[in-house]
Protein backbone atom coordinates (compact mmCIF):
# COMPACT_ATOMS: atom_id res chain seq x y z
CA MET A 1 91.46 26.56 216.66
CA ILE A 2 92.76 30.12 216.61
CA THR A 3 89.97 32.68 216.67
CA GLY A 4 89.18 36.26 217.60
CA GLU A 5 91.85 38.68 218.73
CA LEU A 6 94.75 36.21 218.61
CA LYS A 7 93.95 35.29 214.98
CA ASN A 8 93.77 39.01 214.08
CA LYS A 9 97.15 39.64 215.72
CA ILE A 10 98.79 36.77 213.80
CA ASP A 11 97.23 38.00 210.55
CA GLY A 12 98.54 41.47 211.40
CA LEU A 13 102.06 40.07 211.92
CA TRP A 14 101.82 38.19 208.60
CA GLU A 15 100.80 41.47 206.95
CA ILE A 16 103.95 43.18 208.31
CA PHE A 17 106.13 40.57 206.60
CA TRP A 18 104.07 40.71 203.41
CA THR A 19 104.10 44.47 203.01
CA GLY A 20 107.80 44.54 203.95
CA GLY A 21 108.67 42.42 200.90
CA LEU A 22 108.86 38.88 202.36
CA THR A 23 106.11 37.22 200.34
CA ASN A 24 107.14 33.56 200.28
CA PRO A 25 105.09 31.85 203.05
CA LEU A 26 108.00 29.47 203.79
CA ASP A 27 110.35 32.42 204.37
CA VAL A 28 107.81 34.14 206.62
CA ILE A 29 107.26 31.04 208.76
CA GLU A 30 110.99 30.37 208.89
CA GLN A 31 111.78 33.89 210.11
CA MET A 32 108.93 33.69 212.65
CA THR A 33 110.33 30.33 213.79
CA TYR A 34 113.74 31.88 214.49
CA LEU A 35 112.26 34.81 216.37
CA MET A 36 109.99 32.55 218.44
CA PHE A 37 113.06 30.45 219.23
CA ILE A 38 115.06 33.53 220.31
CA ARG A 39 112.21 34.66 222.55
CA ASP A 40 111.77 31.18 224.00
CA LEU A 41 115.47 30.98 224.87
CA ASP A 42 115.03 34.04 227.09
CA ASP A 43 111.83 32.67 228.69
CA VAL A 44 113.36 29.23 229.40
CA ASP A 45 116.51 30.81 230.82
CA LYS A 46 114.45 33.00 233.15
CA LEU A 47 112.46 29.97 234.29
CA HIS A 48 115.61 27.94 235.03
CA THR A 49 117.18 30.86 236.87
CA LYS A 50 114.06 31.21 239.04
CA GLU A 51 113.84 27.47 239.72
CA SER A 52 117.51 27.16 240.65
CA ALA A 53 117.21 30.12 243.05
CA MET A 54 114.18 28.52 244.72
CA LEU A 55 115.80 25.08 244.98
CA GLY A 56 119.25 26.43 245.82
CA LEU A 57 120.81 24.62 242.83
CA PRO A 58 123.59 26.00 240.64
CA TYR A 59 122.57 27.12 237.16
CA GLU A 60 124.72 28.85 234.57
CA SER A 61 122.72 31.03 232.24
CA ILE A 62 123.33 30.68 228.50
CA PHE A 63 123.43 34.48 228.55
CA ALA A 64 126.58 34.42 230.70
CA GLU A 65 128.47 37.64 231.49
CA GLU A 66 130.54 37.52 228.31
CA VAL A 67 129.63 35.74 225.08
CA GLN A 68 132.22 35.21 222.37
CA ILE A 69 130.92 35.92 218.86
CA GLY A 70 133.64 35.74 216.24
CA GLU A 71 136.40 38.09 217.30
CA ARG A 72 134.24 40.02 219.74
CA SER A 73 133.16 39.54 223.32
CA ILE A 74 129.66 40.81 224.05
CA ALA A 75 127.73 41.19 227.27
CA GLY A 76 125.42 38.14 227.23
CA ASN A 77 122.37 39.98 228.51
CA GLN A 78 122.40 42.13 225.32
CA LEU A 79 121.27 38.99 223.45
CA LYS A 80 118.12 38.54 225.52
CA TRP A 81 114.81 39.32 223.85
CA SER A 82 113.64 41.08 227.02
CA VAL A 83 116.62 43.46 226.74
CA PHE A 84 116.99 44.13 223.01
CA HIS A 85 113.24 44.57 222.39
CA ASP A 86 113.52 47.98 224.11
CA PHE A 87 116.43 49.14 221.92
CA PRO A 88 115.87 51.81 219.22
CA ALA A 89 115.11 50.20 215.84
CA GLN A 90 118.59 50.54 214.32
CA LYS A 91 120.41 49.24 217.40
CA MET A 92 117.96 46.33 217.71
CA TYR A 93 118.48 45.40 214.07
CA THR A 94 122.28 45.42 214.37
CA THR A 95 122.10 43.40 217.60
CA VAL A 96 119.85 40.71 216.13
CA GLN A 97 121.63 40.49 212.79
CA GLU A 98 125.26 40.66 213.96
CA TRP A 99 125.08 39.09 217.42
CA VAL A 100 121.87 37.18 218.18
CA PHE A 101 121.72 35.15 214.95
CA PRO A 102 125.38 34.02 215.11
CA PHE A 103 124.75 33.21 218.80
CA ILE A 104 121.77 30.89 218.14
CA LYS A 105 123.62 29.24 215.26
CA ASN A 106 126.44 28.24 217.60
CA LEU A 107 124.36 26.86 220.43
CA HIS A 108 124.89 23.30 219.17
CA GLY A 109 126.53 21.98 222.29
CA ASN A 110 124.02 23.53 224.64
CA LYS A 111 121.74 20.96 226.16
CA GLU A 112 119.03 23.49 226.97
CA SER A 113 118.61 24.32 223.33
CA ALA A 114 116.97 21.25 221.84
CA TYR A 115 116.29 22.94 218.53
CA ALA A 116 119.71 24.55 218.14
CA LYS A 117 120.86 22.00 215.56
CA TYR A 118 118.09 23.14 213.21
CA MET A 119 119.42 26.67 213.36
CA GLY A 120 122.87 25.81 211.99
CA ASP A 121 122.22 27.38 208.59
CA ALA A 122 119.75 30.03 209.72
CA ILE A 123 119.75 33.18 207.58
CA PHE A 124 118.36 36.46 208.85
CA LYS A 125 116.17 37.79 206.02
CA ILE A 126 114.28 40.72 207.58
CA PRO A 127 115.28 43.63 205.33
CA THR A 128 114.95 46.80 207.49
CA PRO A 129 115.25 47.96 211.13
CA LEU A 130 111.73 49.44 211.04
CA MET A 131 110.25 46.13 209.90
CA LEU A 132 112.05 44.19 212.66
CA ASP A 133 110.85 46.71 215.25
CA LYS A 134 107.23 46.22 214.09
CA ILE A 135 107.61 42.42 214.11
CA VAL A 136 109.09 42.33 217.63
CA THR A 137 106.27 44.55 218.97
CA ALA A 138 103.62 42.40 217.22
CA MET A 139 105.18 39.18 218.57
CA ASP A 140 105.21 40.56 222.13
CA GLU A 141 101.49 41.27 221.79
CA ILE A 142 100.86 37.73 220.48
CA TYR A 143 102.75 36.20 223.43
CA ASP A 144 100.82 38.39 225.88
CA GLN A 145 97.57 37.26 224.28
CA MET A 146 98.65 33.60 224.46
CA ALA A 147 99.50 34.00 228.16
CA ARG A 148 96.07 35.51 228.83
CA LEU A 149 94.31 32.58 227.14
CA LYS A 150 96.03 30.11 229.51
CA LYS A 151 95.13 27.19 227.25
CA ALA A 152 97.39 24.15 227.29
CA ASP A 153 98.26 24.15 223.61
CA THR A 154 97.65 27.69 222.38
CA ARG A 155 101.24 27.74 221.22
CA GLY A 156 100.71 24.63 219.11
CA ASP A 157 97.49 26.08 217.68
CA VAL A 158 99.32 29.28 216.72
CA TYR A 159 101.92 27.22 214.89
CA GLU A 160 99.29 25.12 213.12
CA TYR A 161 97.54 28.30 212.02
CA LEU A 162 100.80 29.63 210.57
CA LEU A 163 101.39 26.35 208.75
CA SER A 164 97.90 26.46 207.25
CA LYS A 165 99.10 29.49 205.31
CA LEU A 166 101.48 27.22 203.39
CA SER A 167 99.04 26.85 200.54
CA THR A 168 101.55 26.22 197.75
CA ALA A 169 102.49 22.75 196.55
CA GLY A 170 106.21 22.05 196.53
CA VAL A 171 108.17 21.05 193.42
CA ASN A 172 108.33 17.44 194.58
CA GLY A 173 104.57 17.19 194.83
CA GLN A 174 104.45 17.67 198.60
CA PHE A 175 101.40 19.53 199.81
CA ARG A 176 99.91 19.89 203.22
CA THR A 177 97.83 16.93 204.28
CA PRO A 178 94.62 18.33 205.80
CA ARG A 179 94.82 18.15 209.58
CA HIS A 180 91.50 16.30 209.99
CA ILE A 181 92.67 13.55 207.60
CA ILE A 182 95.94 13.18 209.55
CA LYS A 183 93.98 13.05 212.80
CA MET A 184 91.68 10.37 211.39
CA MET A 185 94.65 8.22 210.32
CA VAL A 186 96.24 8.52 213.78
CA GLU A 187 92.95 7.55 215.43
CA LEU A 188 92.62 4.54 213.14
CA MET A 189 96.11 3.36 214.17
CA ASP A 190 95.66 4.14 217.90
CA PRO A 191 99.41 4.48 218.71
CA LYS A 192 100.71 2.95 221.96
CA PRO A 193 103.25 4.37 224.48
CA ASP A 194 106.05 2.05 223.30
CA GLU A 195 105.75 2.82 219.55
CA ILE A 196 108.69 3.91 217.43
CA ILE A 197 106.98 6.12 214.84
CA CYS A 198 108.37 7.33 211.54
CA ASP A 199 107.29 9.54 208.67
CA PRO A 200 109.93 9.16 205.91
CA ALA A 201 108.56 12.24 204.03
CA CYS A 202 107.66 14.35 207.04
CA GLY A 203 107.40 17.94 205.70
CA THR A 204 106.20 20.05 208.61
CA SER A 205 105.82 16.93 210.84
CA GLY A 206 102.01 16.95 210.77
CA PHE A 207 101.66 13.18 211.31
CA LEU A 208 104.22 13.11 214.13
CA VAL A 209 102.57 16.06 215.87
CA ALA A 210 99.13 14.45 215.58
CA ALA A 211 100.46 11.16 216.99
CA SER A 212 102.10 12.99 219.91
CA GLU A 213 98.87 14.91 220.61
CA TYR A 214 96.75 11.74 220.40
CA MET A 215 98.92 10.07 223.03
CA LYS A 216 98.89 13.16 225.23
CA GLU A 217 95.08 13.05 225.19
CA ASN A 218 94.51 9.29 225.36
CA LYS A 219 97.58 7.72 227.03
CA LYS A 220 98.53 10.53 229.41
CA GLU A 221 98.97 8.46 232.58
CA GLU A 222 100.82 5.61 230.85
CA ILE A 223 103.34 8.04 229.34
CA PHE A 224 103.75 10.99 231.66
CA PHE A 225 103.56 9.12 235.00
CA ASP A 226 106.12 6.54 233.94
CA ARG A 227 109.73 7.73 233.76
CA LYS A 228 110.81 5.19 231.10
CA ASN A 229 107.81 5.84 228.84
CA LYS A 230 108.17 9.62 229.21
CA ASP A 231 111.86 9.46 228.24
CA HIS A 232 110.92 7.31 225.22
CA TYR A 233 108.18 9.81 224.21
CA MET A 234 110.48 12.82 224.53
CA ASN A 235 113.66 11.38 222.97
CA HIS A 236 113.16 8.16 221.00
CA MET A 237 109.59 7.79 219.74
CA PHE A 238 109.36 10.24 216.83
CA HIS A 239 111.44 10.07 213.63
CA GLY A 240 111.00 12.17 210.51
CA PHE A 241 113.04 12.63 207.32
CA ASP A 242 112.77 15.15 204.53
CA MET A 243 114.86 16.64 201.73
CA ASP A 244 113.77 20.23 202.26
CA ARG A 245 115.81 21.91 205.01
CA THR A 246 113.27 24.68 205.51
CA MET A 247 110.55 22.10 206.06
CA LEU A 248 112.81 20.23 208.48
CA ARG A 249 113.41 23.32 210.59
CA ILE A 250 109.72 24.16 210.64
CA GLY A 251 108.87 20.50 211.35
CA ALA A 252 111.31 20.30 214.26
CA MET A 253 109.98 23.53 215.70
CA ASN A 254 106.43 22.26 215.24
CA MET A 255 107.23 19.13 217.30
CA MET A 256 108.91 21.09 220.06
CA THR A 257 106.10 23.61 220.12
CA HIS A 258 103.82 20.65 220.84
CA GLY A 259 105.97 19.55 223.78
CA VAL A 260 108.24 16.84 222.28
CA GLU A 261 111.70 17.84 223.50
CA ASN A 262 113.99 15.90 221.23
CA PRO A 263 112.41 14.51 218.05
CA TYR A 264 114.75 12.82 215.60
CA ILE A 265 114.17 14.94 212.51
CA GLU A 266 116.89 14.68 209.90
CA TYR A 267 117.82 15.65 206.36
CA ARG A 268 117.62 12.47 204.32
CA ASP A 269 116.60 11.22 200.91
CA SER A 270 114.51 8.33 202.19
CA LEU A 271 114.55 6.40 198.90
CA SER A 272 118.32 6.48 198.46
CA ASP A 273 121.17 4.47 200.02
CA GLN A 274 121.44 7.34 202.57
CA ASN A 275 118.51 5.69 204.33
CA THR A 276 119.78 2.51 205.97
CA ASP A 277 116.82 2.13 208.38
CA ARG A 278 115.46 -1.39 207.99
CA ASP A 279 113.17 -3.38 210.35
CA MET A 280 113.16 -0.51 212.83
CA TYR A 281 109.74 1.08 213.22
CA SER A 282 106.51 -0.14 214.76
CA LEU A 283 104.34 2.49 213.05
CA ILE A 284 104.67 4.50 209.84
CA LEU A 285 102.27 7.36 209.11
CA ALA A 286 102.86 9.15 205.82
CA ASN A 287 101.64 11.00 202.77
CA PRO A 288 104.66 10.57 200.48
CA PRO A 289 105.17 12.76 197.40
CA PHE A 290 103.34 11.40 194.35
CA LYS A 291 104.78 13.54 191.63
CA GLY A 292 107.60 13.04 189.25
CA SER A 293 109.92 10.13 188.80
CA LEU A 294 113.44 9.44 189.98
CA ASP A 295 116.75 8.45 188.53
CA TYR A 296 117.35 4.71 189.07
CA ASP A 297 120.94 5.44 190.10
CA ILE A 298 119.95 7.21 193.31
CA VAL A 299 117.32 4.67 194.43
CA SER A 300 118.37 2.06 196.96
CA GLN A 301 118.86 -1.28 195.16
CA ASP A 302 116.82 -3.36 197.62
CA LEU A 303 113.73 -1.26 196.75
CA LEU A 304 114.15 -1.79 193.01
CA LYS A 305 114.31 -5.58 193.53
CA VAL A 306 110.65 -5.53 194.63
CA ALA A 307 109.39 -3.07 192.03
CA LYS A 308 111.63 -1.77 189.22
CA THR A 309 110.04 1.63 188.75
CA LYS A 310 110.80 5.33 188.83
CA LYS A 311 107.44 6.19 190.39
CA THR A 312 107.97 7.63 193.87
CA GLU A 313 104.58 6.51 195.23
CA LEU A 314 105.37 2.85 194.48
CA LEU A 315 108.93 3.05 195.80
CA PHE A 316 107.72 4.60 199.05
CA LEU A 317 105.33 1.65 199.62
CA VAL A 318 108.24 -0.78 199.20
CA LEU A 319 110.31 1.41 201.53
CA PHE A 320 107.61 1.39 204.24
CA LEU A 321 107.66 -2.43 204.21
CA LYS A 322 111.46 -2.43 204.51
CA MET A 323 111.54 0.13 207.34
CA LEU A 324 108.85 -1.55 209.47
CA LYS A 325 109.66 -4.23 212.03
CA THR A 326 107.79 -7.50 211.62
CA GLY A 327 104.41 -6.76 213.18
CA GLY A 328 104.80 -3.05 212.43
CA ARG A 329 101.83 -1.20 210.97
CA CYS A 330 101.44 1.51 208.34
CA ALA A 331 98.72 3.97 207.34
CA CYS A 332 99.64 5.94 204.24
CA ILE A 333 97.99 8.01 201.53
CA VAL A 334 98.42 6.89 197.91
CA PRO A 335 97.11 8.26 194.63
CA ASP A 336 94.33 6.17 193.07
CA GLY A 337 96.64 4.93 190.31
CA VAL A 338 98.47 2.74 192.84
CA LEU A 339 95.24 0.79 193.42
CA PHE A 340 94.56 -0.20 189.81
CA GLY A 341 97.67 0.67 187.71
CA SER A 342 98.39 -2.15 185.27
CA SER A 343 102.18 -1.86 184.95
CA LYS A 344 104.38 -4.71 186.19
CA ALA A 345 105.61 -2.56 189.12
CA HIS A 346 102.07 -1.59 190.18
CA ARG A 347 101.01 -5.22 190.27
CA ALA A 348 104.21 -6.31 192.02
CA ILE A 349 103.77 -3.93 194.96
CA ARG A 350 100.05 -4.80 195.34
CA ARG A 351 100.94 -8.50 195.27
CA GLU A 352 103.61 -7.88 197.92
CA LEU A 353 101.05 -6.21 200.21
CA VAL A 354 98.39 -8.90 199.74
CA GLU A 355 100.45 -12.11 199.51
CA GLU A 356 103.53 -11.42 201.65
CA ASN A 357 101.98 -9.15 204.31
CA ARG A 358 98.57 -8.39 205.77
CA LEU A 359 96.60 -5.74 203.89
CA GLU A 360 93.83 -4.65 206.25
CA ALA A 361 91.97 -1.72 204.73
CA VAL A 362 91.55 0.49 201.67
CA ILE A 363 89.73 3.75 202.39
CA SER A 364 88.84 5.55 199.19
CA MET A 365 88.75 9.37 199.54
CA PRO A 366 86.96 11.90 197.29
CA SER A 367 89.08 13.99 194.92
CA GLY A 368 88.30 17.28 196.69
CA VAL A 369 90.15 16.36 199.91
CA PHE A 370 93.40 18.06 198.83
CA LYS A 371 91.80 21.12 197.25
CA PRO A 372 92.69 23.91 196.65
CA TYR A 373 96.26 22.54 196.27
CA ALA A 374 95.45 19.54 194.09
CA GLY A 375 92.41 17.70 192.75
CA VAL A 376 93.85 14.16 192.87
CA SER A 377 91.81 11.15 193.95
CA THR A 378 93.52 9.32 196.79
CA ALA A 379 93.09 6.42 199.17
CA ILE A 380 94.44 5.39 202.55
CA LEU A 381 96.11 1.99 202.73
CA ILE A 382 96.43 0.27 206.11
CA PHE A 383 98.67 -2.79 206.38
CA THR A 384 100.82 -4.81 208.77
CA LYS A 385 104.25 -6.17 207.88
CA THR A 386 104.33 -9.92 208.46
CA GLY A 387 106.79 -11.10 205.80
CA HIS A 388 104.71 -14.30 205.35
CA GLY A 389 101.22 -13.24 204.30
CA GLY A 390 98.16 -13.09 206.50
CA THR A 391 95.65 -11.28 204.28
CA ASP A 392 92.37 -13.18 204.38
CA LYS A 393 89.93 -10.39 203.51
CA VAL A 394 90.29 -6.63 202.98
CA TRP A 395 87.96 -3.98 204.39
CA PHE A 396 86.91 -1.29 201.87
CA TYR A 397 85.26 2.04 202.70
CA ASP A 398 83.92 4.55 200.20
CA MET A 399 84.36 7.95 201.85
CA LYS A 400 82.00 10.47 200.24
CA ALA A 401 82.34 13.46 202.64
CA ASP A 402 84.98 14.66 205.10
CA GLY A 403 83.10 17.51 206.80
CA PHE A 404 84.11 20.14 204.19
CA SER A 405 82.80 21.10 200.76
CA LEU A 406 84.79 19.37 198.02
CA ASP A 407 85.43 22.55 196.01
CA ASP A 408 88.31 25.05 196.27
CA LYS A 409 86.62 26.88 199.15
CA ARG A 410 86.48 23.81 201.47
CA ASN A 411 83.79 25.34 203.70
CA PRO A 412 82.62 23.28 206.72
CA ILE A 413 79.49 21.16 206.03
CA ASN A 414 77.46 18.69 208.11
CA GLU A 415 78.11 15.59 205.99
CA ASN A 416 81.14 13.79 207.43
CA ASP A 417 82.04 10.10 207.13
CA ILE A 418 85.14 10.30 209.37
CA PRO A 419 83.45 9.33 212.70
CA ASP A 420 81.75 6.43 210.89
CA ILE A 421 85.05 5.26 209.36
CA ILE A 422 86.79 5.22 212.78
CA GLU A 423 83.86 3.47 214.46
CA ARG A 424 83.54 0.79 211.77
CA PHE A 425 87.29 0.19 211.41
CA ARG A 426 87.57 -0.41 215.15
CA ASN A 427 84.64 -2.85 215.01
CA ARG A 428 85.35 -4.63 211.74
CA ASP A 429 84.17 -7.94 213.17
CA GLN A 430 80.64 -6.52 212.89
CA GLU A 431 81.09 -5.64 209.20
CA THR A 432 81.05 -9.17 207.78
CA GLU A 433 77.39 -9.15 206.77
CA ARG A 434 77.49 -5.79 204.95
CA LYS A 435 76.48 -5.86 201.31
CA ARG A 436 78.54 -4.53 198.41
CA THR A 437 75.93 -1.82 197.86
CA GLU A 438 76.79 -0.22 201.24
CA GLN A 439 79.58 2.28 202.01
CA SER A 440 81.83 -0.32 203.62
CA PHE A 441 82.26 -4.05 203.08
CA PHE A 442 84.79 -6.87 203.06
CA VAL A 443 86.30 -8.47 199.96
CA GLU A 444 87.83 -11.95 200.20
CA LYS A 445 91.51 -12.24 199.32
CA GLN A 446 90.88 -14.75 196.51
CA GLU A 447 88.61 -12.32 194.68
CA ILE A 448 91.37 -9.66 194.85
CA VAL A 449 93.92 -12.18 193.52
CA ASP A 450 91.55 -13.12 190.65
CA ASN A 451 91.33 -9.42 189.74
CA GLU A 452 95.14 -9.05 189.43
CA TYR A 453 95.32 -7.52 192.92
CA ASP A 454 93.14 -4.56 191.87
CA LEU A 455 92.35 -2.53 195.01
CA SER A 456 90.00 0.11 193.61
CA ILE A 457 86.66 0.04 195.39
CA ASN A 458 84.71 0.41 192.12
CA LYS A 459 85.91 -3.04 191.09
CA TYR A 460 83.98 -4.59 193.97
CA LYS A 461 81.17 -2.16 194.70
CA GLU A 462 77.67 -3.02 193.52
CA VAL A 463 75.37 -0.23 192.43
CA GLU A 464 71.68 -0.63 193.11
CA TYR A 465 69.62 0.50 190.15
CA ILE A 466 66.16 1.74 191.10
CA PRO A 467 63.78 1.40 188.13
CA VAL A 468 62.21 4.71 187.15
CA GLU A 469 58.77 4.73 185.51
CA TYR A 470 58.67 7.10 182.53
CA PRO A 471 55.43 8.15 180.74
CA SER A 472 54.73 6.55 177.34
CA THR A 473 55.89 8.19 174.07
CA GLN A 474 52.29 9.09 173.17
CA GLU A 475 51.86 10.84 176.51
CA ILE A 476 55.10 12.82 176.07
CA MET A 477 54.06 13.85 172.52
CA ALA A 478 50.60 14.95 173.75
CA ASN A 479 52.27 17.08 176.47
CA LEU A 480 54.64 18.64 173.93
CA ASN A 481 51.73 19.47 171.57
CA GLU A 482 49.82 21.04 174.46
CA LEU A 483 52.87 23.16 175.41
CA GLU A 484 53.32 24.25 171.78
CA ARG A 485 49.67 25.32 171.51
CA GLU A 486 50.05 27.33 174.72
CA ILE A 487 53.21 29.05 173.45
CA THR A 488 51.52 29.91 170.10
CA LYS A 489 48.51 31.35 171.95
CA ASN A 490 50.74 33.44 174.26
CA LEU A 491 52.76 34.75 171.30
CA ALA A 492 49.52 35.76 169.49
CA GLU A 493 48.32 37.66 172.57
CA LEU A 494 51.71 39.40 172.90
CA ASP A 495 51.65 40.29 169.20
CA GLU A 496 48.15 41.80 169.60
CA MET A 497 49.26 43.90 172.58
CA LEU A 498 52.31 45.21 170.71
CA GLY A 499 50.16 45.92 167.62
CA ASP A 500 47.90 48.20 169.72
């Protein structure tokens, strides 16, 4: 978590953008992303120069003597953050706008610059030299503060804090999945060092970042002390697609900020024929957009064969099954309607999960989880692709609290079912005797089939009614008469006092 002075400095930097006229949080984060990238280029170059001098190895700086930008040749060192940050405001502004931005946009072929491809259509939006000067000074202070903290992932925390300011829901119904819910889903799936992980609606790459962090904490030796596994982790493990280029850039930067050198994050409409990935992934983690419907013409035909629908949440479930390898697993968030919707498509996709694959768990979440962005009721579905069934019974959990109040404020509270969910899911063999009146229980497959594959927990939950003893009618009437006499007496006394 970001606290204290560092948090104040980031808020101060945000304020500079805000008061300078850049009020769209996406624009602010995007511009910060570019500037962090420009500063990092300088830091990485310095590090490589130092290392090559110590080891006596050749190294050619990306800030070579002369850099060609358009028609002009410019001294490369002019493009370094450590040089231009001392320029007067106007000169700095011209340098960044006319030289540095075109320079980072054309770094495609440079191996050192893993995130260069996300900068291809970067636009410099900072309106005035004075504002840029203030931003550069504020960012220098933030980097100094981060260096003083010497914490392994301060940089990642800073980025997460910036992303938490993205409090607006997108037009396609994408909104930030709360970090603790993402973390819970990753812990439930316990990813392994050889996974190939995908989020087909990745946004700012929250699920991929959480999976990478989980493995860093729990599988460190298996990954980082094994050359093959480390190469897989850095270059082949993480895949994310989205249709919002700004989100993609921020998502790619988010991954790299968390130490994944070369994530495969691409512009793609996952539901269309553009997406040819089939039988490829061992793990899918996702919160696909729920809102709106699509045009049949742009949806891949093999998805429509399973469920002829325009509803994105149903099509994404079909897509996950297509993209997973046999034996691949998925944890995804769905709106409640998916669990009990009575349309032909709703039933078809639920039947597909239960009859043709192995549906393992349905975790029902309270409607406040996505507040203040949205008040929808959602659930987490966990399933394994088998292609030939395998569901014998399904584990249900009724989550009532997630550690935060369920209103718009979302203040931290003590009640939190998440540790219990993880513990019970990992030890489901001990859940068989639990009653339907408890928070978690198993439901046999046949019962789900008999209920038209309904997966809403309320269909199977039993409520225990505790009889309450009420006084008799005569007793209630006697009490009411007594109260009335008392009121009359008090009114008479008040009347007497006022009469005096």
